[in-house]
Amino acid sequence: MTEFAVNPHRLDPYKRFKFQIIVDGEIVPGVSQVSALSRQTEIVSFRSGSFLNQFLKAPGLTRFNPIVLKRGITHDTTFEDWAELAYNPAGDAAMSLKSFRKDMRINLMNQQGSVVLSYMVFRAWVSEYEPLPELCADSNEVAMETIVLEHEGFERDRSVTEPVEA
């Protein structure tokens, strides 16, 4: 079996530089970096008194690692607006208990712009917001805005299948 069933002529895997983030049904503009999706399942070691001197291992609790999104600073307020749903400078009453958690979609695309993989991230919320990075007069880097998202898991959207490439 080839690695690409629909496009057996394709030899190279997908690149990681073409993607989109979708929140509330809208593409979040300007995102240039997304940290890896990852989870960790703890190991529970146990043994019975009648076993030899060895432990058995079983899966325990699973933790989903935070996702970091970065983008160049513009006048779009998507990151700031989302961050203010969990903490609002106007005070506790301005926080939104109803909508601070959001489902998010991460799409990986091929170089033609077709979605090739898609992951849903569930109940994400902003735990850290950096509206302005460290500034340095000696640098020629883009100023980046950053959010860190806590979430309750992710799942691949298996309805997204390999597109036919021209």
N, C-alpha and C. Protein backbone atom coordinates (compact mmCIF):
# COMPACT_ATOMS: atom_id res chain seq x y z
N MET A 1 0.85 -1.19 0.00
CA MET A 1 0.00 0.00 0.00
C MET A 1 0.88 1.24 0.00
N THR A 2 0.53 2.22 -0.81
CA THR A 2 1.29 3.46 -0.84
C THR A 2 0.86 4.35 0.31
N GLU A 3 1.70 5.30 0.63
CA GLU A 3 1.39 6.23 1.72
C GLU A 3 0.26 7.17 1.34
N PHE A 4 0.06 7.38 0.05
CA PHE A 4 -0.99 8.26 -0.45
C PHE A 4 -1.86 7.45 -1.42
N ALA A 5 -2.96 6.91 -0.90
CA ALA A 5 -3.81 6.01 -1.69
C ALA A 5 -4.45 6.71 -2.89
N VAL A 6 -4.89 7.95 -2.70
CA VAL A 6 -5.57 8.68 -3.78
C VAL A 6 -4.55 9.24 -4.78
N ASN A 7 -3.37 9.60 -4.30
CA ASN A 7 -2.32 10.21 -5.13
C ASN A 7 -1.04 9.37 -5.05
N PRO A 8 -1.02 8.16 -5.65
CA PRO A 8 0.15 7.29 -5.51
C PRO A 8 1.42 7.88 -6.13
N HIS A 9 1.27 8.90 -6.99
CA HIS A 9 2.43 9.57 -7.57
C HIS A 9 3.17 10.44 -6.54
N ARG A 10 2.49 10.79 -5.45
CA ARG A 10 3.07 11.69 -4.45
C ARG A 10 4.10 10.95 -3.62
N LEU A 11 5.29 11.52 -3.51
CA LEU A 11 6.36 10.90 -2.75
C LEU A 11 6.64 11.60 -1.43
N ASP A 12 6.44 12.91 -1.40
CA ASP A 12 6.83 13.68 -0.22
C ASP A 12 5.66 13.88 0.74
N PRO A 13 5.94 13.84 2.04
CA PRO A 13 4.88 14.11 3.02
C PRO A 13 4.47 15.59 2.97
N TYR A 14 3.37 15.89 3.65
CA TYR A 14 2.87 17.26 3.66
C TYR A 14 3.82 18.18 4.42
N LYS A 15 3.87 19.42 3.98
CA LYS A 15 4.71 20.43 4.64
C LYS A 15 3.95 20.99 5.83
N ARG A 16 4.67 21.60 6.75
CA ARG A 16 4.02 22.11 7.95
C ARG A 16 3.79 23.62 7.93
N PHE A 17 3.99 24.25 6.78
CA PHE A 17 3.88 25.71 6.73
C PHE A 17 2.56 26.23 6.17
N LYS A 18 1.65 25.34 5.82
CA LYS A 18 0.37 25.80 5.27
C LYS A 18 -0.75 25.22 6.13
N PHE A 19 -1.41 26.10 6.89
CA PHE A 19 -2.43 25.66 7.85
C PHE A 19 -3.38 26.80 8.13
N GLN A 20 -4.46 26.47 8.82
CA GLN A 20 -5.39 27.51 9.26
C GLN A 20 -6.00 27.10 10.60
N ILE A 21 -6.35 28.11 11.38
CA ILE A 21 -7.00 27.94 12.67
C ILE A 21 -8.41 28.53 12.53
N ILE A 22 -9.41 27.76 12.96
CA ILE A 22 -10.79 28.22 12.85
C ILE A 22 -11.41 28.21 14.25
N VAL A 23 -11.94 29.36 14.66
CA VAL A 23 -12.62 29.51 15.95
C VAL A 23 -13.94 30.22 15.67
N ASP A 24 -15.00 29.75 16.27
CA ASP A 24 -16.33 30.32 16.05
C ASP A 24 -16.70 30.37 14.56
N GLY A 25 -16.25 29.38 13.80
CA GLY A 25 -16.57 29.31 12.39
C GLY A 25 -15.80 30.27 11.50
N GLU A 26 -14.87 31.03 12.08
CA GLU A 26 -14.10 32.02 11.32
C GLU A 26 -12.61 31.67 11.34
N ILE A 27 -11.93 31.89 10.24
CA ILE A 27 -10.48 31.69 10.20
C ILE A 27 -9.84 32.81 11.01
N VAL A 28 -8.96 32.43 11.94
CA VAL A 28 -8.23 33.43 12.72
C VAL A 28 -7.11 33.95 11.83
N PRO A 29 -7.11 35.25 11.53
CA PRO A 29 -6.12 35.78 10.57
C PRO A 29 -4.71 35.86 11.15
N GLY A 30 -3.74 35.60 10.29
CA GLY A 30 -2.35 35.89 10.60
C GLY A 30 -1.62 34.91 11.48
N VAL A 31 -2.20 33.78 11.85
CA VAL A 31 -1.49 32.85 12.73
C VAL A 31 -0.30 32.28 11.97
N SER A 32 0.89 32.42 12.54
CA SER A 32 2.09 31.94 11.86
C SER A 32 2.76 30.78 12.57
N GLN A 33 2.31 30.46 13.79
CA GLN A 33 2.92 29.35 14.50
C GLN A 33 1.90 28.70 15.43
N VAL A 34 1.86 27.38 15.40
CA VAL A 34 0.99 26.59 16.28
C VAL A 34 1.87 25.50 16.88
N SER A 35 1.86 25.38 18.20
CA SER A 35 2.66 24.33 18.81
C SER A 35 2.04 22.97 18.50
N ALA A 36 2.78 21.92 18.77
CA ALA A 36 2.33 20.56 18.47
C ALA A 36 1.14 20.16 19.32
N LEU A 37 0.26 19.36 18.76
CA LEU A 37 -0.79 18.73 19.55
C LEU A 37 -0.15 17.53 20.24
N SER A 38 -0.33 17.44 21.54
CA SER A 38 0.24 16.30 22.25
C SER A 38 -0.56 15.99 23.50
N ARG A 39 -0.49 14.73 23.87
CA ARG A 39 -1.13 14.28 25.10
C ARG A 39 -0.19 13.30 25.78
N GLN A 40 -0.36 13.18 27.09
CA GLN A 40 0.46 12.27 27.87
C GLN A 40 -0.45 11.46 28.77
N THR A 41 -0.26 10.15 28.77
CA THR A 41 -1.01 9.28 29.66
C THR A 41 -0.06 8.77 30.72
N GLU A 42 -0.44 9.00 31.98
CA GLU A 42 0.41 8.56 33.09
C GLU A 42 0.46 7.04 33.14
N ILE A 43 1.55 6.54 33.70
CA ILE A 43 1.74 5.11 33.85
C ILE A 43 1.45 4.75 35.30
N VAL A 44 0.58 3.77 35.47
CA VAL A 44 0.27 3.26 36.80
C VAL A 44 0.99 1.92 36.94
N SER A 45 1.94 1.85 37.85
CA SER A 45 2.67 0.60 38.10
C SER A 45 2.02 -0.12 39.27
N PHE A 46 1.91 -1.45 39.14
CA PHE A 46 1.32 -2.22 40.23
C PHE A 46 1.90 -3.63 40.20
N ARG A 47 1.76 -4.34 41.30
CA ARG A 47 2.17 -5.74 41.33
C ARG A 47 1.37 -6.47 42.38
N SER A 48 1.28 -7.72 42.19
CA SER A 48 0.63 -8.60 43.16
C SER A 48 1.71 -9.23 44.03
N GLY A 49 1.39 -9.50 45.26
CA GLY A 49 2.38 -10.10 46.14
C GLY A 49 2.85 -11.46 45.69
N SER A 50 2.07 -12.12 44.83
CA SER A 50 2.47 -13.45 44.37
C SER A 50 3.32 -13.40 43.10
N PHE A 51 3.50 -12.18 42.50
CA PHE A 51 4.32 -12.06 41.30
C PHE A 51 5.79 -12.13 41.66
N LEU A 52 6.60 -12.41 40.65
CA LEU A 52 8.04 -12.28 40.84
C LEU A 52 8.35 -10.80 41.08
N ASN A 53 9.58 -10.47 41.24
CA ASN A 53 9.97 -9.09 41.53
C ASN A 53 9.85 -8.22 40.27
N GLN A 54 8.64 -8.02 39.86
CA GLN A 54 8.41 -7.17 38.70
C GLN A 54 7.09 -6.42 38.86
N PHE A 55 7.01 -5.28 38.18
CA PHE A 55 5.79 -4.49 38.18
C PHE A 55 5.07 -4.70 36.85
N LEU A 56 3.78 -4.58 36.89
CA LEU A 56 2.97 -4.49 35.68
C LEU A 56 2.64 -3.02 35.47
N LYS A 57 2.34 -2.66 34.24
CA LYS A 57 2.04 -1.26 33.93
C LYS A 57 0.69 -1.16 33.24
N ALA A 58 -0.05 -0.11 33.59
CA ALA A 58 -1.36 0.14 33.00
C ALA A 58 -1.49 1.64 32.73
N PRO A 59 -2.35 2.00 31.79
CA PRO A 59 -2.56 3.43 31.54
C PRO A 59 -3.35 4.07 32.69
N GLY A 60 -2.96 5.31 33.01
CA GLY A 60 -3.65 6.08 34.05
C GLY A 60 -4.34 7.28 33.45
N LEU A 61 -4.28 8.40 34.15
CA LEU A 61 -4.93 9.63 33.70
C LEU A 61 -4.20 10.22 32.49
N THR A 62 -4.97 10.84 31.60
CA THR A 62 -4.39 11.47 30.42
C THR A 62 -4.47 12.98 30.56
N ARG A 63 -3.38 13.65 30.21
CA ARG A 63 -3.31 15.11 30.22
C ARG A 63 -3.07 15.60 28.79
N PHE A 64 -3.73 16.68 28.44
CA PHE A 64 -3.54 17.29 27.13
C PHE A 64 -2.69 18.53 27.32
N ASN A 65 -1.58 18.59 26.61
CA ASN A 65 -0.65 19.71 26.77
C ASN A 65 -1.21 20.97 26.11
N PRO A 66 -0.87 22.13 26.68
CA PRO A 66 -1.38 23.40 26.12
C PRO A 66 -0.94 23.60 24.67
N ILE A 67 -1.72 24.39 23.96
CA ILE A 67 -1.40 24.75 22.58
C ILE A 67 -1.04 26.22 22.57
N VAL A 68 0.06 26.54 21.91
CA VAL A 68 0.53 27.93 21.81
C VAL A 68 0.30 28.41 20.39
N LEU A 69 -0.40 29.55 20.26
CA LEU A 69 -0.61 30.19 18.96
C LEU A 69 0.14 31.51 18.94
N LYS A 70 0.84 31.77 17.83
CA LYS A 70 1.56 33.04 17.66
C LYS A 70 1.19 33.65 16.32
N ARG A 71 1.16 34.96 16.33
CA ARG A 71 0.93 35.68 15.08
C ARG A 71 1.53 37.07 15.17
N GLY A 72 1.82 37.64 14.03
CA GLY A 72 2.33 39.00 13.99
C GLY A 72 1.28 39.98 14.46
N ILE A 73 1.73 40.99 15.18
CA ILE A 73 0.79 41.98 15.73
C ILE A 73 0.20 42.84 14.61
N THR A 74 -1.13 42.92 14.61
CA THR A 74 -1.87 43.77 13.67
C THR A 74 -2.96 44.47 14.48
N HIS A 75 -3.96 44.98 13.81
CA HIS A 75 -5.07 45.62 14.51
C HIS A 75 -6.25 44.66 14.74
N ASP A 76 -6.11 43.40 14.32
CA ASP A 76 -7.14 42.41 14.58
C ASP A 76 -7.12 42.06 16.07
N THR A 77 -8.27 42.00 16.70
CA THR A 77 -8.34 41.80 18.16
C THR A 77 -8.82 40.40 18.56
N THR A 78 -8.74 39.42 17.66
CA THR A 78 -9.24 38.08 17.95
C THR A 78 -8.60 37.48 19.21
N PHE A 79 -7.27 37.51 19.31
CA PHE A 79 -6.58 36.95 20.47
C PHE A 79 -6.97 37.70 21.75
N GLU A 80 -6.94 39.01 21.68
CA GLU A 80 -7.25 39.83 22.85
C GLU A 80 -8.69 39.61 23.31
N ASP A 81 -9.62 39.57 22.37
CA ASP A 81 -11.03 39.37 22.72
C ASP A 81 -11.24 38.03 23.41
N TRP A 82 -10.58 36.98 22.90
CA TRP A 82 -10.72 35.65 23.49
C TRP A 82 -10.09 35.62 24.89
N ALA A 83 -8.93 36.24 25.02
CA ALA A 83 -8.26 36.27 26.33
C ALA A 83 -9.10 37.01 27.36
N GLU A 84 -9.80 38.05 26.96
CA GLU A 84 -10.61 38.83 27.90
C GLU A 84 -11.90 38.12 28.32
N LEU A 85 -12.22 37.00 27.68
CA LEU A 85 -13.37 36.23 28.12
C LEU A 85 -13.06 35.47 29.42
N ALA A 86 -11.77 35.15 29.64
CA ALA A 86 -11.36 34.45 30.87
C ALA A 86 -10.89 35.41 31.95
N TYR A 87 -10.34 36.55 31.52
CA TYR A 87 -9.93 37.59 32.48
C TYR A 87 -10.18 38.92 31.80
N ASN A 88 -10.98 39.74 32.42
CA ASN A 88 -11.30 41.03 31.83
C ASN A 88 -10.82 42.14 32.75
N PRO A 89 -10.05 43.10 32.23
CA PRO A 89 -9.58 44.21 33.06
C PRO A 89 -10.70 45.02 33.70
N ALA A 90 -11.91 44.92 33.14
CA ALA A 90 -13.05 45.65 33.70
C ALA A 90 -13.57 45.02 34.99
N GLY A 91 -13.07 43.83 35.32
CA GLY A 91 -13.49 43.19 36.57
C GLY A 91 -14.17 41.85 36.35
N ASP A 92 -14.43 41.16 37.45
CA ASP A 92 -14.99 39.82 37.38
C ASP A 92 -16.33 39.77 36.65
N ALA A 93 -17.16 40.75 36.82
CA ALA A 93 -18.49 40.74 36.19
C ALA A 93 -18.39 40.76 34.66
N ALA A 94 -17.27 41.25 34.13
CA ALA A 94 -17.10 41.32 32.68
C ALA A 94 -16.62 40.00 32.09
N MET A 95 -16.19 39.05 32.94
CA MET A 95 -15.76 37.75 32.45
C MET A 95 -16.97 36.98 31.93
N SER A 96 -16.77 36.18 30.88
CA SER A 96 -17.87 35.42 30.30
C SER A 96 -17.76 33.95 30.69
N LEU A 97 -18.53 33.53 31.68
CA LEU A 97 -18.55 32.12 32.06
C LEU A 97 -19.19 31.26 30.98
N LYS A 98 -20.03 31.86 30.17
CA LYS A 98 -20.75 31.13 29.13
C LYS A 98 -19.86 30.85 27.91
N SER A 99 -18.99 31.76 27.54
CA SER A 99 -18.32 31.62 26.24
C SER A 99 -16.80 31.69 26.27
N PHE A 100 -16.16 31.59 27.45
CA PHE A 100 -14.70 31.68 27.44
C PHE A 100 -14.05 30.41 26.89
N ARG A 101 -14.77 29.28 26.92
CA ARG A 101 -14.28 28.04 26.31
C ARG A 101 -14.82 27.96 24.88
N LYS A 102 -13.94 27.61 23.95
CA LYS A 102 -14.34 27.53 22.55
C LYS A 102 -13.76 26.27 21.92
N ASP A 103 -14.52 25.66 21.04
CA ASP A 103 -13.98 24.60 20.21
C ASP A 103 -13.20 25.25 19.07
N MET A 104 -12.17 24.58 18.65
CA MET A 104 -11.27 25.14 17.64
C MET A 104 -10.93 24.04 16.65
N ARG A 105 -10.70 24.42 15.43
CA ARG A 105 -10.28 23.46 14.40
C ARG A 105 -8.91 23.87 13.88
N ILE A 106 -8.03 22.89 13.72
CA ILE A 106 -6.72 23.12 13.12
C ILE A 106 -6.68 22.31 11.82
N ASN A 107 -6.53 23.01 10.70
CA ASN A 107 -6.46 22.36 9.39
C ASN A 107 -5.05 22.42 8.84
N LEU A 108 -4.55 21.28 8.39
CA LEU A 108 -3.29 21.22 7.65
C LEU A 108 -3.66 21.15 6.18
N MET A 109 -2.98 21.93 5.34
CA MET A 109 -3.32 21.99 3.93
C MET A 109 -2.13 21.60 3.08
N ASN A 110 -2.43 21.11 1.88
CA ASN A 110 -1.35 20.85 0.93
C ASN A 110 -0.98 22.16 0.25
N GLN A 111 -0.02 22.11 -0.64
CA GLN A 111 0.45 23.35 -1.26
C GLN A 111 -0.54 23.95 -2.24
N GLN A 112 -1.60 23.21 -2.60
CA GLN A 112 -2.67 23.76 -3.43
C GLN A 112 -3.74 24.43 -2.58
N GLY A 113 -3.61 24.32 -1.26
CA GLY A 113 -4.57 24.94 -0.37
C GLY A 113 -5.75 24.06 0.00
N SER A 114 -5.71 22.77 -0.34
CA SER A 114 -6.77 21.83 0.04
C SER A 114 -6.49 21.28 1.43
N VAL A 115 -7.52 21.16 2.25
CA VAL A 115 -7.37 20.62 3.59
C VAL A 115 -7.08 19.13 3.48
N VAL A 116 -5.98 18.67 4.10
CA VAL A 116 -5.60 17.26 4.04
C VAL A 116 -5.76 16.56 5.39
N LEU A 117 -5.66 17.29 6.48
CA LEU A 117 -5.89 16.77 7.83
C LEU A 117 -6.58 17.85 8.63
N SER A 118 -7.45 17.42 9.53
CA SER A 118 -8.15 18.39 10.36
C SER A 118 -8.33 17.81 11.75
N TYR A 119 -8.06 18.63 12.75
CA TYR A 119 -8.23 18.23 14.15
C TYR A 119 -9.16 19.20 14.84
N MET A 120 -10.07 18.65 15.62
CA MET A 120 -10.93 19.46 16.49
C MET A 120 -10.29 19.50 17.87
N VAL A 121 -10.22 20.69 18.46
CA VAL A 121 -9.72 20.87 19.82
C VAL A 121 -10.93 21.31 20.64
N PHE A 122 -11.16 20.64 21.77
CA PHE A 122 -12.39 20.84 22.52
C PHE A 122 -12.21 21.72 23.76
N ARG A 123 -13.14 22.65 23.93
CA ARG A 123 -13.26 23.49 25.13
C ARG A 123 -11.95 24.22 25.49
N ALA A 124 -11.36 24.84 24.49
CA ALA A 124 -10.11 25.58 24.70
C ALA A 124 -10.39 26.95 25.31
N TRP A 125 -9.47 27.40 26.17
CA TRP A 125 -9.58 28.73 26.77
C TRP A 125 -8.17 29.29 26.96
N VAL A 126 -8.10 30.61 26.98
CA VAL A 126 -6.80 31.29 27.04
C VAL A 126 -6.31 31.35 28.48
N SER A 127 -5.19 30.67 28.74
CA SER A 127 -4.60 30.70 30.08
C SER A 127 -3.45 31.70 30.17
N GLU A 128 -2.92 32.08 29.03
CA GLU A 128 -1.82 33.05 29.02
C GLU A 128 -1.95 33.89 27.76
N TYR A 129 -1.78 35.19 27.92
CA TYR A 129 -1.89 36.12 26.79
C TYR A 129 -0.72 37.07 26.84
N GLU A 130 0.01 37.15 25.74
CA GLU A 130 1.14 38.07 25.62
C GLU A 130 0.86 39.00 24.44
N PRO A 131 0.30 40.19 24.74
CA PRO A 131 -0.07 41.09 23.64
C PRO A 131 1.13 41.78 22.98
N LEU A 132 2.22 41.86 23.72
CA LEU A 132 3.40 42.56 23.21
C LEU A 132 4.64 41.81 23.67
N PRO A 133 5.50 41.40 22.74
CA PRO A 133 6.70 40.67 23.14
C PRO A 133 7.77 41.64 23.67
N GLU A 134 8.86 41.06 24.10
CA GLU A 134 10.02 41.88 24.46
C GLU A 134 10.43 42.65 23.20
N LEU A 135 10.69 43.92 23.37
CA LEU A 135 11.08 44.75 22.23
C LEU A 135 12.58 44.98 22.25
N CYS A 136 13.19 45.06 21.08
CA CYS A 136 14.64 45.18 20.99
C CYS A 136 15.00 46.01 19.75
N ALA A 137 15.70 47.10 19.95
CA ALA A 137 16.07 47.99 18.84
C ALA A 137 17.09 47.36 17.90
N ASP A 138 17.79 46.31 18.35
CA ASP A 138 18.80 45.66 17.51
C ASP A 138 18.22 44.54 16.65
N SER A 139 16.93 44.28 16.76
CA SER A 139 16.33 43.14 16.08
C SER A 139 15.54 43.59 14.86
N ASN A 140 15.46 42.70 13.87
CA ASN A 140 14.59 42.98 12.73
C ASN A 140 13.50 41.92 12.60
N GLU A 141 13.07 41.37 13.74
CA GLU A 141 12.04 40.35 13.77
C GLU A 141 10.65 40.98 13.83
N VAL A 142 9.67 40.23 13.43
CA VAL A 142 8.28 40.66 13.51
C VAL A 142 7.84 40.60 14.97
N ALA A 143 7.11 41.60 15.44
CA ALA A 143 6.54 41.58 16.79
C ALA A 143 5.39 40.58 16.80
N MET A 144 5.45 39.62 17.72
CA MET A 144 4.48 38.53 17.77
C MET A 144 3.58 38.62 19.00
N GLU A 145 2.31 38.38 18.80
CA GLU A 145 1.31 38.28 19.85
C GLU A 145 1.12 36.78 20.11
N THR A 146 0.98 36.38 21.39
CA THR A 146 0.93 34.96 21.73
C THR A 146 -0.22 34.67 22.69
N ILE A 147 -0.91 33.53 22.45
CA ILE A 147 -1.85 33.01 23.44
C ILE A 147 -1.49 31.55 23.71
N VAL A 148 -1.72 31.14 24.96
CA VAL A 148 -1.56 29.75 25.37
C VAL A 148 -2.96 29.23 25.70
N LEU A 149 -3.31 28.11 25.10
CA LEU A 149 -4.65 27.56 25.25
C LEU A 149 -4.62 26.26 26.04
N GLU A 150 -5.39 26.23 27.10
CA GLU A 150 -5.66 24.97 27.81
C GLU A 150 -6.88 24.37 27.12
N HIS A 151 -6.98 23.06 27.12
CA HIS A 151 -8.12 22.43 26.43
C HIS A 151 -8.39 21.06 27.03
N GLU A 152 -9.47 20.46 26.59
CA GLU A 152 -9.91 19.19 27.14
C GLU A 152 -9.82 18.06 26.12
N GLY A 153 -8.88 18.20 25.20
CA GLY A 153 -8.62 17.12 24.27
C GLY A 153 -8.79 17.52 22.82
N PHE A 154 -8.34 16.62 21.96
CA PHE A 154 -8.44 16.83 20.52
C PHE A 154 -8.77 15.51 19.85
N GLU A 155 -9.29 15.63 18.63
CA GLU A 155 -9.70 14.45 17.88
C GLU A 155 -9.55 14.75 16.40
N ARG A 156 -9.02 13.79 15.67
CA ARG A 156 -8.89 13.94 14.23
C ARG A 156 -10.26 13.83 13.59
N ASP A 157 -10.55 14.71 12.64
CA ASP A 157 -11.79 14.66 11.88
C ASP A 157 -11.57 13.68 10.73
N ARG A 158 -12.04 12.47 10.90
CA ARG A 158 -11.81 11.41 9.90
C ARG A 158 -12.65 11.60 8.64
N SER A 159 -13.57 12.56 8.66
CA SER A 159 -14.34 12.82 7.43
C SER A 159 -13.49 13.58 6.41
N VAL A 160 -12.37 14.18 6.85
CA VAL A 160 -11.45 14.84 5.92
C VAL A 160 -10.54 13.76 5.35
N THR A 161 -10.64 13.55 4.05
CA THR A 161 -9.87 12.51 3.41
C THR A 161 -8.88 13.11 2.41
N GLU A 162 -8.01 12.28 1.91
CA GLU A 162 -6.98 12.74 0.99
C GLU A 162 -7.62 13.31 -0.28
N PRO A 163 -7.33 14.58 -0.60
CA PRO A 163 -7.91 15.17 -1.82
C PRO A 163 -7.15 14.73 -3.07
N VAL A 164 -7.84 14.71 -4.18
CA VAL A 164 -7.19 14.41 -5.47
C VAL A 164 -6.35 15.61 -5.85
N GLU A 165 -5.08 15.37 -6.14
CA GLU A 165 -4.17 16.45 -6.53
C GLU A 165 -4.02 16.51 -8.04
N ALA A 166 -4.01 17.72 -8.57
CA ALA A 166 -3.84 17.92 -10.01
C ALA A 166 -2.39 18.13 -10.35
